[in-house]
C-alpha atoms as a PDB file:
ATOM      1  CA  MET A   1     -56.191  27.242 -67.431  1.00  0.00           C
ATOM      2  CA  SER A   2     -55.667  24.126 -69.514  1.00  0.00           C
ATOM      3  CA  ASP A   3     -52.333  22.461 -69.930  1.00  0.00           C
ATOM      4  CA  ILE A   4     -50.764  22.847 -73.398  1.00  0.00           C
ATOM      5  CA  ALA A   5     -49.267  19.383 -73.349  1.00  0.00           C
ATOM      6  CA  GLY A   6     -52.576  17.859 -72.363  1.00  0.00           C
ATOM      7  CA  GLU A   7     -51.131  15.999 -69.396  1.00  0.00           C
ATOM      8  CA  ALA A   8     -51.379  17.910 -66.161  1.00  0.00           C
ATOM      9  CA  SER A   9     -48.657  17.330 -63.613  1.00  0.00           C
ATOM     10  CA  GLY A  10     -51.078  18.012 -60.794  1.00  0.00           C
ATOM     11  CA  LEU A  11     -50.053  21.656 -60.431  1.00  0.00           C
ATOM     12  CA  PRO A  12     -51.972  24.414 -62.231  1.00  0.00           C
ATOM     13  CA  GLY A  13     -50.069  25.856 -65.175  1.00  0.00           C
ATOM     14  CA  LYS A  14     -47.369  23.169 -65.059  1.00  0.00           C
ATOM     15  CA  ARG A  15     -46.621  20.821 -67.929  1.00  0.00           C
ATOM     16  CA  SER A  16     -45.367  17.274 -67.608  1.00  0.00           C
ATOM     17  CA  ARG A  17     -43.864  17.052 -71.121  1.00  0.00           C
ATOM     18  CA  LYS A  18     -40.648  18.717 -72.249  1.00  0.00           C
ATOM     19  CA  ARG A  19     -41.320  21.585 -74.659  1.00  0.00           C
ATOM     20  CA  ASP A  20     -39.025  22.768 -77.388  1.00  0.00           C
ATOM     21  CA  SER A  21     -38.861  26.561 -77.737  1.00  0.00           C
ATOM     22  CA  LEU A  22     -38.526  27.340 -81.427  1.00  0.00           C
ATOM     23  CA  LEU A  23     -39.948  29.341 -84.287  1.00  0.00           C
ATOM     24  CA  LEU A  24     -41.491  27.317 -87.098  1.00  0.00           C
ATOM     25  CA  MET A  25     -43.992  28.271 -89.728  1.00  0.00           C
ATOM     26  CA  GLY A  26     -46.979  25.985 -90.059  1.00  0.00           C
ATOM     27  CA  THR A  27     -50.594  26.011 -91.164  1.00  0.00           C
ATOM     28  CA  ILE A  28     -53.911  25.680 -89.377  1.00  0.00           C
ATOM     29  CA  LYS A  29     -57.403  24.833 -90.548  1.00  0.00           C
ATOM     30  CA  ALA A  30     -60.546  23.840 -88.704  1.00  0.00           C
ATOM     31  CA  ALA A  31     -61.187  20.138 -89.305  1.00  0.00           C
ATOM     32  CA  GLY A  32     -64.006  19.715 -91.807  1.00  0.00           C
ATOM     33  CA  ASP A  33     -64.201  23.473 -92.523  1.00  0.00           C
ATOM     34  CA  TYR A  34     -64.473  23.800 -96.291  1.00  0.00           C
ATOM     35  CA  VAL A  35     -65.248  27.541 -96.224  1.00  0.00           C
ATOM     36  CA  ARG A  36     -62.290  28.988 -94.318  1.00  0.00           C
ATOM     37  CA  GLU A  37     -58.939  28.649 -96.064  1.00  0.00           C
ATOM     38  CA  THR A  38     -55.815  27.252 -94.454  1.00  0.00           C
ATOM     39  CA  GLN A  39     -54.093  30.002 -92.456  1.00  0.00           C
ATOM     40  CA  PRO A  40     -50.387  30.422 -91.618  1.00  0.00           C
ATOM     41  CA  ILE A  41     -49.267  30.116 -87.989  1.00  0.00           C
ATOM     42  CA  ARG A  42     -46.006  30.639 -86.124  1.00  0.00           C
ATOM     43  CA  ILE A  43     -45.257  27.699 -83.843  1.00  0.00           C
ATOM     44  CA  ARG A  44     -43.410  28.959 -80.741  1.00  0.00           C
ATOM     45  CA  ASN A  45     -43.370  25.851 -78.502  1.00  0.00           C
ATOM     46  CA  LEU A  46     -43.657  22.226 -79.556  1.00  0.00           C
ATOM     47  CA  SER A  47     -43.853  19.014 -77.544  1.00  0.00           C
ATOM     48  CA  SER A  48     -44.883  15.468 -78.342  1.00  0.00           C
ATOM     49  CA  THR A  49     -48.441  16.207 -77.213  1.00  0.00           C
ATOM     50  CA  GLY A  50     -49.109  19.813 -78.215  1.00  0.00           C
ATOM     51  CA  LEU A  51     -47.947  23.255 -79.236  1.00  0.00           C
ATOM     52  CA  MET A  52     -48.320  26.966 -78.651  1.00  0.00           C
ATOM     53  CA  ALA A  53     -48.870  29.036 -81.777  1.00  0.00           C
ATOM     54  CA  VAL A  54     -49.334  32.657 -82.791  1.00  0.00           C
ATOM     55  CA  SER A  55     -52.003  33.288 -85.415  1.00  0.00           C
ATOM     56  CA  SER A  56     -54.242  36.004 -86.785  1.00  0.00           C
ATOM     57  CA  ALA A  57     -56.914  33.329 -87.300  1.00  0.00           C
ATOM     58  CA  GLU A  58     -59.261  32.959 -84.340  1.00  0.00           C
ATOM     59  CA  TYR A  59     -60.533  29.603 -83.112  1.00  0.00           C
ATOM     60  CA  ASP A  60     -62.912  28.830 -80.257  1.00  0.00           C
ATOM     61  CA  LEU A  61     -61.978  26.716 -77.259  1.00  0.00           C
ATOM     62  CA  GLY A  62     -62.617  23.081 -78.063  1.00  0.00           C
ATOM     63  CA  ALA A  63     -62.305  23.578 -81.835  1.00  0.00           C
ATOM     64  CA  ILE A  64     -60.828  20.572 -83.629  1.00  0.00           C
ATOM     65  CA  VAL A  65     -58.086  21.751 -85.985  1.00  0.00           C
ATOM     66  CA  GLU A  66     -55.557  20.333 -88.433  1.00  0.00           C
ATOM     67  CA  ILE A  67     -52.025  21.650 -88.024  1.00  0.00           C
ATOM     68  CA  GLY A  68     -49.481  21.348 -90.848  1.00  0.00           C
ATOM     69  CA  ILE A  69     -45.911  21.061 -89.582  1.00  0.00           C
ATOM     70  CA  LYS A  70     -42.982  20.633 -91.991  1.00  0.00           C
ATOM     71  CA  GLY A  71     -41.197  17.363 -91.353  1.00  0.00           C
ATOM     72  CA  ILE A  72     -44.221  15.928 -89.542  1.00  0.00           C
ATOM     73  CA  GLY A  73     -47.231  16.541 -91.780  1.00  0.00           C
ATOM     74  CA  LEU A  74     -50.853  17.131 -90.768  1.00  0.00           C
ATOM     75  CA  VAL A  75     -51.665  16.642 -87.092  1.00  0.00           C
ATOM     76  CA  ALA A  76     -55.178  16.777 -85.618  1.00  0.00           C
ATOM     77  CA  GLY A  77     -55.635  18.595 -82.338  1.00  0.00           C
ATOM     78  CA  GLU A  78     -57.956  20.544 -80.060  1.00  0.00           C
ATOM     79  CA  VAL A  79     -57.670  24.216 -79.097  1.00  0.00           C
ATOM     80  CA  VAL A  80     -57.361  24.221 -75.289  1.00  0.00           C
ATOM     81  CA  TRP A  81     -56.663  27.908 -74.650  1.00  0.00           C
ATOM     82  CA  VAL A  82     -56.723  31.206 -76.558  1.00  0.00           C
ATOM     83  CA  ARG A  83     -55.262  34.547 -75.454  1.00  0.00           C
ATOM     84  CA  ASP A  84     -53.925  37.672 -77.214  1.00  0.00           C
ATOM     85  CA  GLY A  85     -53.464  36.093 -80.653  1.00  0.00           C
ATOM     86  CA  LYS A  86     -51.871  32.964 -79.182  1.00  0.00           C
ATOM     87  CA  MET A  87     -53.382  29.517 -78.742  1.00  0.00           C
ATOM     88  CA  GLY A  88     -52.534  26.206 -77.130  1.00  0.00           C
ATOM     89  CA  ILE A  89     -53.372  23.044 -79.039  1.00  0.00           C
ATOM     90  CA  THR A  90     -53.313  19.493 -77.694  1.00  0.00           C
ATOM     91  CA  PHE A  91     -52.650  16.809 -80.309  1.00  0.00           C
ATOM     92  CA  GLN A  92     -54.986  13.827 -80.633  1.00  0.00           C
ATOM     93  CA  GLU A  93     -51.938  11.563 -81.121  1.00  0.00           C
ATOM     94  CA  THR A  94     -48.352  12.026 -79.984  1.00  0.00           C
ATOM     95  CA  ILE A  95     -45.681  13.147 -82.446  1.00  0.00           C
ATOM     96  CA  ASP A  96     -41.883  13.201 -82.534  1.00  0.00           C
ATOM     97  CA  PRO A  97     -41.112  16.943 -82.199  1.00  0.00           C
ATOM     98  CA  LEU A  98     -37.502  16.408 -83.292  1.00  0.00           C
ATOM     99  CA  ARG A  99     -38.748  15.616 -86.806  1.00  0.00           C
ATOM    100  CA  ALA A 100     -39.815  19.275 -87.117  1.00  0.00           C
ATOM    101  CA  ARG A 101     -36.207  20.367 -86.515  1.00  0.00           C
ATOM    102  CA  ARG A 102     -34.609  17.994 -89.017  1.00  0.00           C
ATOM    103  CA  GLN A 103     -33.527  19.519 -92.290  1.00  0.00           C
ATOM    104  CA  VAL A 104     -35.209  18.092 -95.327  1.00  0.00           C
ATOM    105  CA  ALA A 105     -32.731  16.273 -97.566  1.00  0.00           C
ATOM    106  CA  PRO A 106     -32.230  17.895-100.992  1.00  0.00           C
ATOM    107  CA  GLY A 107     -33.818  14.927-102.781  1.00  0.00           C
ATOM    108  CA  ASP A 108     -36.979  15.084-100.654  1.00  0.00           C
ATOM    109  CA  ASP A 109     -38.585  18.055-102.400  1.00  0.00           C
ATOM    110  CA  GLU A 110     -40.368  16.772-105.497  1.00  0.00           C
ATOM    111  CA  HIS A 111     -40.529  20.234-107.089  1.00  0.00           C
ATOM    112  CA  LEU A 112     -36.733  20.562-106.964  1.00  0.00           C
ATOM    113  CA  ARG A 113     -35.936  17.290-108.705  1.00  0.00           C
ATOM    114  CA  LYS A 114     -33.779  17.223-111.831  1.00  0.00           C
ATOM    115  CA  ILE A 115     -36.146  17.330-114.803  1.00  0.00           C
ATOM    116  CA  VAL A 116     -33.819  16.980-117.783  1.00  0.00           C
ATOM    117  CA  ASP A 117     -30.311  15.750-118.435  1.00  0.00           C
ATOM    118  CA  ILE A 118     -28.328  18.925-119.168  1.00  0.00           C
ATOM    119  CA  GLY A 119     -25.818  16.949-121.269  1.00  0.00           C
ATOM    120  CA  ARG A 120     -28.494  16.133-123.857  1.00  0.00           C
ATOM    121  CA  ILE A 121     -29.669  19.703-124.437  1.00  0.00           C
ATOM    122  CA  ARG A 122     -28.418  21.552-127.538  1.00  0.00           C
ATOM    123  CA  ARG A 123     -29.389  24.780-129.218  1.00  0.00           C
ATOM    124  CA  PRO A 124     -32.049  24.254-131.942  1.00  0.00           C
ATOM    125  CA  GLY A 125     -30.748  24.781-135.471  1.00  0.00           C
ATOM    126  CA  LEU A 126     -27.122  24.392-134.473  1.00  0.00           C
ATOM    127  CA  LYS A 127     -25.399  22.258-137.093  1.00  0.00           C
ATOM    128  CA  ILE A 128     -22.529  20.211-135.852  1.00  0.00           C
ATOM    129  CA  ASP A 129     -20.057  19.028-138.558  1.00  0.00           C
END
């Protein structure tokens, strides 16, 4: 069986990188696949070099995928194992897994920005003497 972190410690089934057990929502899409839509995934373990995810979408071993992780962005990786609706993915480049745990600052979400100055709004047709 392949190592999720992508760096074998010399012992089968052992990982050399620290994993963070968590539950994050993310997205997955096969790289270059313009037919299949982006699918949601539940990220259960995350390290700097890979992750374990639960998904209803099925990918073959060796498939190159793009994973969307809030706080990190899109990460390219390779599916290294698949079993019972779960999959292990090794990233092509290392990430900082702690960024996925950081809360997004209120000003970071563009769709939540203040659009108008409330102090300048008045009811139409209201005459002020």
